[in-house]
Amino acid sequence: WPWERIYKVSVATETMAMARDLEDPTANRNGKMLDA
């Protein structure tokens, strides 16, 4: 109905580098290496 809204999400498996920072792309050596 017009007062209803549909939210769709993808449930496919995705891959991401563990050093990637979604808020700051330059962090962790530009997302290449994570320090510990």
Full PDB file with SEQRES, HELIX, SHEET, SSBOND, CRYST1, ORIGX, SCALE, CONECT and MASTER records, all heavy atoms in Angstrom:
SEQRES   1 A   36  TRP PRO TRP GLU ARG ILE TYR LYS VAL SER VAL ALA THR          
SEQRES   2 A   36  GLU THR MET ALA MET ALA ARG ASP LEU GLU ASP PRO THR          
SEQRES   3 A   36  ALA ASN ARG ASN GLY LYS MET LEU ASP ALA                      
HELIX    1 AA1 ALA A   27  GLY A   31  1                                   5    
CRYST1    1.000    1.000    1.000  90.00  90.00  90.00 P 1           1          
ORIGX1      1.000000  0.000000  0.000000        0.00000                         
ORIGX2      0.000000  1.000000  0.000000        0.00000                         
ORIGX3      0.000000  0.000000  1.000000        0.00000                         
SCALE1      1.000000  0.000000  0.000000        0.00000                         
SCALE2      0.000000  1.000000  0.000000        0.00000                         
SCALE3      0.000000  0.000000  1.000000        0.00000                         
ATOM      1  N   TRP A   1       0.833  -1.199   0.000  1.00  0.00           N  
ATOM      2  CA  TRP A   1       0.000   0.000   0.000  1.00  0.00           C  
ATOM      3  C   TRP A   1       0.870   1.253   0.000  1.00  0.00           C  
ATOM      4  O   TRP A   1       2.064   1.187   0.332  1.00  0.00           O  
ATOM      5  CB  TRP A   1      -0.929  -0.001   1.199  1.00  0.00           C  
ATOM      6  CG  TRP A   1      -1.938  -1.110   1.176  1.00  0.00           C  
ATOM      7  CD1 TRP A   1      -1.955  -2.239   1.928  1.00  0.00           C  
ATOM      8  CD2 TRP A   1      -3.093  -1.178   0.329  1.00  0.00           C  
ATOM      9  NE1 TRP A   1      -3.028  -3.030   1.623  1.00  0.00           N  
ATOM     10  CE2 TRP A   1      -3.758  -2.387   0.628  1.00  0.00           C  
ATOM     11  CE3 TRP A   1      -3.639  -0.350  -0.661  1.00  0.00           C  
ATOM     12  CZ2 TRP A   1      -4.925  -2.794  -0.006  1.00  0.00           C  
ATOM     13  CZ3 TRP A   1      -4.806  -0.754  -1.284  1.00  0.00           C  
ATOM     14  CH2 TRP A   1      -5.435  -1.950  -0.962  1.00  0.00           C  
ATOM     15  N   PRO A   2       0.288   2.359  -0.355  1.00  0.00           N  
ATOM     16  CA  PRO A   2       1.089   3.593  -0.419  1.00  0.00           C  
ATOM     17  C   PRO A   2       1.755   3.952   0.900  1.00  0.00           C  
ATOM     18  O   PRO A   2       2.813   4.598   0.905  1.00  0.00           O  
ATOM     19  CB  PRO A   2       0.066   4.656  -0.838  1.00  0.00           C  
ATOM     20  CG  PRO A   2      -0.981   3.895  -1.584  1.00  0.00           C  
ATOM     21  CD  PRO A   2      -1.065   2.571  -0.890  1.00  0.00           C  
ATOM     22  N   TRP A   3       1.168   3.595   2.023  1.00  0.00           N  
ATOM     23  CA  TRP A   3       1.755   3.937   3.322  1.00  0.00           C  
ATOM     24  C   TRP A   3       2.769   2.888   3.797  1.00  0.00           C  
ATOM     25  O   TRP A   3       3.288   2.987   4.900  1.00  0.00           O  
ATOM     26  CB  TRP A   3       0.658   4.092   4.363  1.00  0.00           C  
ATOM     27  CG  TRP A   3      -0.228   2.869   4.492  1.00  0.00           C  
ATOM     28  CD1 TRP A   3      -0.031   1.770   5.237  1.00  0.00           C  
ATOM     29  CD2 TRP A   3      -1.459   2.669   3.805  1.00  0.00           C  
ATOM     30  NE1 TRP A   3      -1.033   0.874   5.069  1.00  0.00           N  
ATOM     31  CE2 TRP A   3      -1.947   1.407   4.194  1.00  0.00           C  
ATOM     32  CE3 TRP A   3      -2.219   3.437   2.889  1.00  0.00           C  
ATOM     33  CZ2 TRP A   3      -3.140   0.878   3.713  1.00  0.00           C  
ATOM     34  CZ3 TRP A   3      -3.401   2.898   2.423  1.00  0.00           C  
ATOM     35  CH2 TRP A   3      -3.858   1.637   2.827  1.00  0.00           C  
ATOM     36  N   GLU A   4       3.032   1.926   2.947  1.00  0.00           N  
ATOM     37  CA  GLU A   4       4.005   0.909   3.295  1.00  0.00           C  
ATOM     38  C   GLU A   4       5.290   1.128   2.493  1.00  0.00           C  
ATOM     39  O   GLU A   4       5.268   1.679   1.392  1.00  0.00           O  
ATOM     40  CB  GLU A   4       3.453  -0.499   2.993  1.00  0.00           C  
ATOM     41  CG  GLU A   4       2.277  -0.871   3.875  1.00  0.00           C  
ATOM     42  CD  GLU A   4       1.694  -2.229   3.526  1.00  0.00           C  
ATOM     43  OE1 GLU A   4       1.840  -2.640   2.347  1.00  0.00           O  
ATOM     44  OE2 GLU A   4       1.099  -2.870   4.413  1.00  0.00           O  
ATOM     45  N   ARG A   5       6.399   0.661   3.095  1.00  0.00           N  
ATOM     46  CA  ARG A   5       7.705   0.831   2.442  1.00  0.00           C  
ATOM     47  C   ARG A   5       8.464  -0.490   2.517  1.00  0.00           C  
ATOM     48  O   ARG A   5       8.359  -1.229   3.507  1.00  0.00           O  
ATOM     49  CB  ARG A   5       8.516   1.932   3.127  1.00  0.00           C  
ATOM     50  CG  ARG A   5       9.863   2.210   2.471  1.00  0.00           C  
ATOM     51  CD  ARG A   5      10.584   3.345   3.168  1.00  0.00           C  
ATOM     52  NE  ARG A   5      11.908   3.566   2.602  1.00  0.00           N  
ATOM     53  CZ  ARG A   5      12.788   4.450   3.062  1.00  0.00           C  
ATOM     54  NH1 ARG A   5      12.457   5.217   4.104  1.00  0.00           N  
ATOM     55  NH2 ARG A   5      13.971   4.578   2.495  1.00  0.00           N  
ATOM     56  N   ILE A   6       9.227  -0.778   1.462  1.00  0.00           N  
ATOM     57  CA  ILE A   6       9.971  -2.026   1.373  1.00  0.00           C  
ATOM     58  C   ILE A   6      11.466  -1.747   1.501  1.00  0.00           C  
ATOM     59  O   ILE A   6      12.017  -0.893   0.790  1.00  0.00           O  
ATOM     60  CB  ILE A   6       9.681  -2.753   0.045  1.00  0.00           C  
ATOM     61  CG1 ILE A   6       8.185  -3.011  -0.109  1.00  0.00           C  
ATOM     62  CG2 ILE A   6      10.459  -4.063  -0.017  1.00  0.00           C  
ATOM     63  CD1 ILE A   6       7.572  -3.848   0.986  1.00  0.00           C  
ATOM     64  N   TYR A   7      12.118  -2.468   2.401  1.00  0.00           N  
ATOM     65  CA  TYR A   7      13.566  -2.392   2.583  1.00  0.00           C  
ATOM     66  C   TYR A   7      14.176  -3.713   2.094  1.00  0.00           C  
ATOM     67  O   TYR A   7      13.860  -4.776   2.623  1.00  0.00           O  
ATOM     68  CB  TYR A   7      13.933  -2.166   4.052  1.00  0.00           C  
ATOM     69  CG  TYR A   7      13.526  -0.821   4.589  1.00  0.00           C  
ATOM     70  CD1 TYR A   7      12.232  -0.608   5.057  1.00  0.00           C  
ATOM     71  CD2 TYR A   7      14.434   0.229   4.636  1.00  0.00           C  
ATOM     72  CE1 TYR A   7      11.852   0.626   5.562  1.00  0.00           C  
ATOM     73  CE2 TYR A   7      14.061   1.472   5.144  1.00  0.00           C  
ATOM     74  CZ  TYR A   7      12.771   1.658   5.597  1.00  0.00           C  
ATOM     75  OH  TYR A   7      12.399   2.889   6.096  1.00  0.00           O  
ATOM     76  N   LYS A   8      15.026  -3.606   1.082  1.00  0.00           N  
ATOM     77  CA  LYS A   8      15.679  -4.790   0.523  1.00  0.00           C  
ATOM     78  C   LYS A   8      17.156  -4.792   0.903  1.00  0.00           C  
ATOM     79  O   LYS A   8      17.810  -3.748   0.931  1.00  0.00           O  
ATOM     80  CB  LYS A   8      15.550  -4.814  -1.002  1.00  0.00           C  
ATOM     81  CG  LYS A   8      14.125  -4.883  -1.522  1.00  0.00           C  
ATOM     82  CD  LYS A   8      14.125  -4.923  -3.035  1.00  0.00           C  
ATOM     83  CE  LYS A   8      12.720  -4.936  -3.616  1.00  0.00           C  
ATOM     84  NZ  LYS A   8      12.736  -4.984  -5.103  1.00  0.00           N  
ATOM     85  N   VAL A   9      17.664  -5.971   1.192  1.00  0.00           N  
ATOM     86  CA  VAL A   9      19.091  -6.139   1.488  1.00  0.00           C  
ATOM     87  C   VAL A   9      19.590  -7.367   0.737  1.00  0.00           C  
ATOM     88  O   VAL A   9      18.846  -8.321   0.504  1.00  0.00           O  
ATOM     89  CB  VAL A   9      19.362  -6.295   3.000  1.00  0.00           C  
ATOM     90  CG1 VAL A   9      18.981  -5.039   3.755  1.00  0.00           C  
ATOM     91  CG2 VAL A   9      18.616  -7.498   3.559  1.00  0.00           C  
ATOM     92  N   SER A  10      20.858  -7.345   0.373  1.00  0.00           N  
ATOM     93  CA  SER A  10      21.502  -8.485  -0.271  1.00  0.00           C  
ATOM     94  C   SER A  10      22.083  -9.400   0.803  1.00  0.00           C  
ATOM     95  O   SER A  10      22.786  -8.935   1.714  1.00  0.00           O  
ATOM     96  CB  SER A  10      22.610  -8.018  -1.219  1.00  0.00           C  
ATOM     97  OG  SER A  10      23.340  -9.121  -1.717  1.00  0.00           O  
ATOM     98  N   VAL A  11      21.797 -10.690   0.696  1.00  0.00           N  
ATOM     99  CA  VAL A  11      22.327 -11.662   1.659  1.00  0.00           C  
ATOM    100  C   VAL A  11      23.472 -12.477   1.051  1.00  0.00           C  
ATOM    101  O   VAL A  11      23.870 -13.500   1.615  1.00  0.00           O  
ATOM    102  CB  VAL A  11      21.205 -12.605   2.145  1.00  0.00           C  
ATOM    103  CG1 VAL A  11      20.178 -11.845   2.947  1.00  0.00           C  
ATOM    104  CG2 VAL A  11      20.556 -13.335   0.964  1.00  0.00           C  
ATOM    105  N   ALA A  12      24.006 -12.024  -0.081  1.00  0.00           N  
ATOM    106  CA  ALA A  12      25.147 -12.706  -0.692  1.00  0.00           C  
ATOM    107  C   ALA A  12      26.397 -12.476   0.153  1.00  0.00           C  
ATOM    108  O   ALA A  12      26.560 -11.432   0.796  1.00  0.00           O  
ATOM    109  CB  ALA A  12      25.366 -12.203  -2.110  1.00  0.00           C  
ATOM    110  N   THR A  13      27.293 -13.441   0.147  1.00  0.00           N  
ATOM    111  CA  THR A  13      28.537 -13.335   0.910  1.00  0.00           C  
ATOM    112  C   THR A  13      29.481 -12.358   0.230  1.00  0.00           C  
ATOM    113  O   THR A  13      29.688 -12.417  -0.983  1.00  0.00           O  
ATOM    114  CB  THR A  13      29.208 -14.720   1.028  1.00  0.00           C  
ATOM    115  OG1 THR A  13      28.314 -15.618   1.697  1.00  0.00           O  
ATOM    116  CG2 THR A  13      30.495 -14.622   1.822  1.00  0.00           C  
ATOM    117  N   GLU A  14      30.042 -11.456   1.020  1.00  0.00           N  
ATOM    118  CA  GLU A  14      30.976 -10.456   0.512  1.00  0.00           C  
ATOM    119  C   GLU A  14      32.312 -10.604   1.217  1.00  0.00           C  
ATOM    120  O   GLU A  14      32.398 -11.129   2.330  1.00  0.00           O  
ATOM    121  CB  GLU A  14      30.406  -9.052   0.717  1.00  0.00           C  
ATOM    122  CG  GLU A  14      29.096  -8.807  -0.024  1.00  0.00           C  
ATOM    123  CD  GLU A  14      28.648  -7.360   0.060  1.00  0.00           C  
ATOM    124  OE1 GLU A  14      29.529  -6.486   0.237  1.00  0.00           O  
ATOM    125  OE2 GLU A  14      27.444  -7.094  -0.031  1.00  0.00           O  
ATOM    126  N   THR A  15      33.355 -10.098   0.562  1.00  0.00           N  
ATOM    127  CA  THR A  15      34.719 -10.179   1.091  1.00  0.00           C  
ATOM    128  C   THR A  15      35.282  -8.772   1.244  1.00  0.00           C  
ATOM    129  O   THR A  15      35.071  -7.909   0.393  1.00  0.00           O  
ATOM    130  CB  THR A  15      35.622 -10.999   0.155  1.00  0.00           C  
ATOM    131  OG1 THR A  15      35.055 -12.304  -0.024  1.00  0.00           O  
ATOM    132  CG2 THR A  15      37.012 -11.149   0.743  1.00  0.00           C  
ATOM    133  N   MET A  16      36.011  -8.584   2.355  1.00  0.00           N  
ATOM    134  CA  MET A  16      36.604  -7.273   2.617  1.00  0.00           C  
ATOM    135  C   MET A  16      37.946  -7.477   3.313  1.00  0.00           C  
ATOM    136  O   MET A  16      38.110  -8.406   4.120  1.00  0.00           O  
ATOM    137  CB  MET A  16      35.677  -6.439   3.512  1.00  0.00           C  
ATOM    138  CG  MET A  16      36.213  -5.050   3.838  1.00  0.00           C  
ATOM    139  SD  MET A  16      35.153  -4.184   5.033  1.00  0.00           S  
ATOM    140  CE  MET A  16      33.599  -4.151   4.149  1.00  0.00           C  
ATOM    141  N   ALA A  17      38.907  -6.618   2.977  1.00  0.00           N  
ATOM    142  CA  ALA A  17      40.200  -6.657   3.658  1.00  0.00           C  
ATOM    143  C   ALA A  17      40.005  -6.264   5.115  1.00  0.00           C  
ATOM    144  O   ALA A  17      39.314  -5.296   5.424  1.00  0.00           O  
ATOM    145  CB  ALA A  17      41.178  -5.712   2.978  1.00  0.00           C  
ATOM    146  N   MET A  18      40.610  -7.024   6.022  1.00  0.00           N  
ATOM    147  CA  MET A  18      40.406  -6.751   7.439  1.00  0.00           C  
ATOM    148  C   MET A  18      41.022  -5.426   7.891  1.00  0.00           C  
ATOM    149  O   MET A  18      40.652  -4.894   8.941  1.00  0.00           O  
ATOM    150  CB  MET A  18      40.979  -7.898   8.279  1.00  0.00           C  
ATOM    151  CG  MET A  18      42.472  -8.083   8.163  1.00  0.00           C  
ATOM    152  SD  MET A  18      43.084  -9.359   9.298  1.00  0.00           S  
ATOM    153  CE  MET A  18      42.114 -10.767   8.788  1.00  0.00           C  
ATOM    154  N   ALA A  19      41.934  -4.883   7.087  1.00  0.00           N  
ATOM    155  CA  ALA A  19      42.538  -3.594   7.450  1.00  0.00           C  
ATOM    156  C   ALA A  19      41.747  -2.401   6.914  1.00  0.00           C  
ATOM    157  O   ALA A  19      42.088  -1.255   7.195  1.00  0.00           O  
ATOM    158  CB  ALA A  19      43.975  -3.529   6.932  1.00  0.00           C  
ATOM    159  N   ARG A  20      40.698  -2.640   6.180  1.00  0.00           N  
ATOM    160  CA  ARG A  20      39.929  -1.538   5.589  1.00  0.00           C  
ATOM    161  C   ARG A  20      39.099  -0.823   6.649  1.00  0.00           C  
ATOM    162  O   ARG A  20      38.420  -1.460   7.456  1.00  0.00           O  
ATOM    163  CB  ARG A  20      39.018  -2.067   4.494  1.00  0.00           C  
ATOM    164  CG  ARG A  20      38.197  -0.984   3.800  1.00  0.00           C  
ATOM    165  CD  ARG A  20      37.309  -1.580   2.735  1.00  0.00           C  
ATOM    166  NE  ARG A  20      36.455  -0.587   2.112  1.00  0.00           N  
ATOM    167  CZ  ARG A  20      35.512  -0.855   1.220  1.00  0.00           C  
ATOM    168  NH1 ARG A  20      35.329  -2.118   0.830  1.00  0.00           N  
ATOM    169  NH2 ARG A  20      34.767   0.107   0.708  1.00  0.00           N  
ATOM    170  N   ASP A  21      39.175   0.488   6.656  1.00  0.00           N  
ATOM    171  CA  ASP A  21      38.386   1.320   7.554  1.00  0.00           C  
ATOM    172  C   ASP A  21      37.357   2.062   6.712  1.00  0.00           C  
ATOM    173  O   ASP A  21      37.703   2.913   5.890  1.00  0.00           O  
ATOM    174  CB  ASP A  21      39.290   2.315   8.298  1.00  0.00           C  
ATOM    175  CG  ASP A  21      38.568   3.016   9.440  1.00  0.00           C  
ATOM    176  OD1 ASP A  21      37.349   3.278   9.303  1.00  0.00           O  
ATOM    177  OD2 ASP A  21      39.206   3.299  10.470  1.00  0.00           O  
ATOM    178  N   LEU A  22      36.081   1.760   6.895  1.00  0.00           N  
ATOM    179  CA  LEU A  22      35.032   2.351   6.074  1.00  0.00           C  
ATOM    180  C   LEU A  22      34.826   3.826   6.365  1.00  0.00           C  
ATOM    181  O   LEU A  22      34.290   4.550   5.528  1.00  0.00           O  
ATOM    182  CB  LEU A  22      33.715   1.598   6.304  1.00  0.00           C  
ATOM    183  CG  LEU A  22      33.729   0.118   5.887  1.00  0.00           C  
ATOM    184  CD1 LEU A  22      32.395  -0.540   6.218  1.00  0.00           C  
ATOM    185  CD2 LEU A  22      34.053  -0.038   4.414  1.00  0.00           C  
ATOM    186  N   GLU A  23      35.242   4.302   7.517  1.00  0.00           N  
ATOM    187  CA  GLU A  23      35.088   5.711   7.865  1.00  0.00           C  
ATOM    188  C   GLU A  23      36.295   6.549   7.479  1.00  0.00           C  
ATOM    189  O   GLU A  23      36.167   7.749   7.240  1.00  0.00           O  
ATOM    190  CB  GLU A  23      34.820   5.841   9.367  1.00  0.00           C  
ATOM    191  CG  GLU A  23      33.506   5.212   9.803  1.00  0.00           C  
ATOM    192  CD  GLU A  23      33.243   5.375  11.279  1.00  0.00           C  
ATOM    193  OE1 GLU A  23      34.160   5.077  12.073  1.00  0.00           O  
ATOM    194  OE2 GLU A  23      32.141   5.822  11.649  1.00  0.00           O  
ATOM    195  N   ASP A  24      37.482   5.909   7.438  1.00  0.00           N  
ATOM    196  CA  ASP A  24      38.699   6.632   7.078  1.00  0.00           C  
ATOM    197  C   ASP A  24      39.524   5.751   6.145  1.00  0.00           C  
ATOM    198  O   ASP A  24      40.277   4.883   6.602  1.00  0.00           O  
ATOM    199  CB  ASP A  24      39.504   6.983   8.338  1.00  0.00           C  
ATOM    200  CG  ASP A  24      40.740   7.838   8.010  1.00  0.00           C  
ATOM    201  OD1 ASP A  24      40.901   8.229   6.828  1.00  0.00           O  
ATOM    202  OD2 ASP A  24      41.525   8.113   8.938  1.00  0.00           O  
ATOM    203  N   PRO A  25      39.399   5.923   4.830  1.00  0.00           N  
ATOM    204  CA  PRO A  25      40.119   5.066   3.876  1.00  0.00           C  
ATOM    205  C   PRO A  25      41.634   5.125   4.006  1.00  0.00           C  
ATOM    206  O   PRO A  25      42.323   4.207   3.577  1.00  0.00           O  
ATOM    207  CB  PRO A  25      39.663   5.581   2.505  1.00  0.00           C  
ATOM    208  CG  PRO A  25      38.362   6.280   2.779  1.00  0.00           C  
ATOM    209  CD  PRO A  25      38.507   6.868   4.145  1.00  0.00           C  
ATOM    210  N   THR A  26      42.182   6.198   4.603  1.00  0.00           N  
ATOM    211  CA  THR A  26      43.638   6.315   4.724  1.00  0.00           C  
ATOM    212  C   THR A  26      44.183   5.604   5.960  1.00  0.00           C  
ATOM    213  O   THR A  26      45.400   5.500   6.110  1.00  0.00           O  
ATOM    214  CB  THR A  26      44.031   7.803   4.786  1.00  0.00           C  
ATOM    215  OG1 THR A  26      43.436   8.412   5.951  1.00  0.00           O  
ATOM    216  CG2 THR A  26      43.559   8.538   3.543  1.00  0.00           C  
ATOM    217  N   ALA A  27      43.305   5.163   6.840  1.00  0.00           N  
ATOM    218  CA  ALA A  27      43.761   4.489   8.063  1.00  0.00           C  
ATOM    219  C   ALA A  27      44.329   3.116   7.731  1.00  0.00           C  
ATOM    220  O   ALA A  27      44.064   2.551   6.658  1.00  0.00           O  
ATOM    221  CB  ALA A  27      42.607   4.359   9.054  1.00  0.00           C  
ATOM    222  N   ASN A  28      45.133   2.599   8.659  1.00  0.00           N  
ATOM    223  CA  ASN A  28      45.735   1.261   8.510  1.00  0.00           C  
ATOM    224  C   ASN A  28      46.515   1.148   7.202  1.00  0.00           C  
ATOM    225  O   ASN A  28      46.353   0.192   6.440  1.00  0.00           O  
ATOM    226  CB  ASN A  28      44.657   0.177   8.576  1.00  0.00           C  
ATOM    227  CG  ASN A  28      43.888   0.188   9.872  1.00  0.00           C  
ATOM    228  OD1 ASN A  28      44.429   0.501  10.924  1.00  0.00           O  
ATOM    229  ND2 ASN A  28      42.614  -0.140   9.800  1.00  0.00           N  
ATOM    230  N   ARG A  29      47.343   2.180   6.947  1.00  0.00           N  
ATOM    231  CA  ARG A  29      48.214   2.206   5.760  1.00  0.00           C  
ATOM    232  C   ARG A  29      47.373   2.070   4.493  1.00  0.00           C  
ATOM    233  O   ARG A  29      47.607   1.211   3.646  1.00  0.00           O  
ATOM    234  CB  ARG A  29      49.271   1.103   5.839  1.00  0.00           C  
ATOM    235  CG  ARG A  29      50.064   1.091   7.138  1.00  0.00           C  
ATOM    236  CD  ARG A  29      51.085  -0.013   7.160  1.00  0.00           C  
ATOM    237  NE  ARG A  29      51.615  -0.227   8.501  1.00  0.00           N  
ATOM    238  CZ  ARG A  29      52.517  -1.126   8.834  1.00  0.00           C  
ATOM    239  NH1 ARG A  29      53.026  -1.920   7.875  1.00  0.00           N  
ATOM    240  NH2 ARG A  29      52.926  -1.282  10.073  1.00  0.00           N  
ATOM    241  N   ASN A  30      46.375   2.923   4.419  1.00  0.00           N  
ATOM    242  CA  ASN A  30      45.438   2.936   3.285  1.00  0.00           C  
ATOM    243  C   ASN A  30      44.684   1.620   3.138  1.00  0.00           C  
ATOM    244  O   ASN A  30      44.377   1.181   2.018  1.00  0.00           O  
ATOM    245  CB  ASN A  30      46.180   3.276   1.988  1.00  0.00           C  
ATOM    246  CG  ASN A  30      46.749   4.680   2.006  1.00  0.00           C  
ATOM    247  OD1 ASN A  30      46.124   5.621   2.509  1.00  0.00           O  
ATOM    248  ND2 ASN A  30      47.955   4.844   1.468  1.00  0.00           N  
ATOM    249  N   GLY A  31      44.362   1.017   4.271  1.00  0.00           N  
ATOM    250  CA  GLY A  31      43.567  -0.206   4.271  1.00  0.00           C  
ATOM    251  C   GLY A  31      44.316  -1.450   3.848  1.00  0.00           C  
ATOM    252  O   GLY A  31      43.678  -2.452   3.505  1.00  0.00           O  
ATOM    253  N   LYS A  32      45.656  -1.425   3.897  1.00  0.00           N  
ATOM    254  CA  LYS A  32      46.442  -2.568   3.449  1.00  0.00           C  
ATOM    255  C   LYS A  32      46.959  -3.437   4.595  1.00  0.00           C  
ATOM    256  O   LYS A  32      47.145  -4.632   4.424  1.00  0.00           O  
ATOM    257  CB  LYS A  32      47.628  -2.098   2.605  1.00  0.00           C  
ATOM    258  CG  LYS A  32      47.225  -1.402   1.312  1.00  0.00           C  
ATOM    259  CD  LYS A  32      48.434  -0.976   0.523  1.00  0.00           C  
ATOM    260  CE  LYS A  32      48.025  -0.291  -0.789  1.00  0.00           C  
ATOM    261  NZ  LYS A  32      49.215   0.147  -1.556  1.00  0.00           N  
ATOM    262  N   MET A  33      47.211  -2.834   5.765  1.00  0.00           N  
ATOM    263  CA  MET A  33      47.801  -3.600   6.863  1.00  0.00           C  
ATOM    264  C   MET A  33      47.274  -3.080   8.189  1.00  0.00           C  
ATOM    265  O   MET A  33      47.172  -1.867   8.411  1.00  0.00           O  
ATOM    266  CB  MET A  33      49.333  -3.504   6.829  1.00  0.00           C  
ATOM    267  CG  MET A  33      50.036  -4.371   7.865  1.00  0.00           C  
ATOM    268  SD  MET A  33      51.818  -4.432   7.588  1.00  0.00           S  
ATOM    269  CE  MET A  33      51.898  -5.306   6.029  1.00  0.00           C  
ATOM    270  N   LEU A  34      46.927  -4.012   9.058  1.00  0.00           N  
ATOM    271  CA  LEU A  34      46.383  -3.688  10.366  1.00  0.00           C  
ATOM    272  C   LEU A  34      47.468  -3.884  11.411  1.00  0.00           C  
ATOM    273  O   LEU A  34      48.118  -4.930  11.461  1.00  0.00           O  
ATOM    274  CB  LEU A  34      45.181  -4.582  10.680  1.00  0.00           C  
ATOM    275  CG  LEU A  34      44.456  -4.353  11.999  1.00  0.00           C  
ATOM    276  CD1 LEU A  34      43.760  -3.005  12.005  1.00  0.00           C  
ATOM    277  CD2 LEU A  34      43.453  -5.474  12.246  1.00  0.00           C  
ATOM    278  N   ASP A  35      47.684  -2.877  12.252  1.00  0.00           N  
ATOM    279  CA  ASP A  35      48.702  -2.955  13.292  1.00  0.00           C  
ATOM    280  C   ASP A  35      48.144  -3.610  14.540  1.00  0.00           C  
ATOM    281  O   ASP A  35      46.986  -3.401  14.920  1.00  0.00           O  
ATOM    282  CB  ASP A  35      49.231  -1.560  13.639  1.00  0.00           C  
ATOM    283  CG  ASP A  35      50.027  -0.949  12.494  1.00  0.00           C  
ATOM    284  OD1 ASP A  35      50.662  -1.723  11.756  1.00  0.00           O  
ATOM    285  OD2 ASP A  35      50.007   0.283  12.343  1.00  0.00           O  
ATOM    286  N   ALA A  36      48.999  -4.419  15.186  1.00  0.00           N  
ATOM    287  CA  ALA A  36      48.627  -5.064  16.446  1.00  0.00           C  
ATOM    288  C   ALA A  36      49.891  -5.277  17.259  1.00  0.00           C  
ATOM    289  O   ALA A  36      50.999  -5.375  16.715  1.00  0.00           O  
ATOM    290  CB  ALA A  36      47.916  -6.392  16.204  1.00  0.00           C  
TER     291      ALA A  36                                                      
MASTER        0    0    0    1    0    0    0    6  290    1    0    3          
END                                                                             
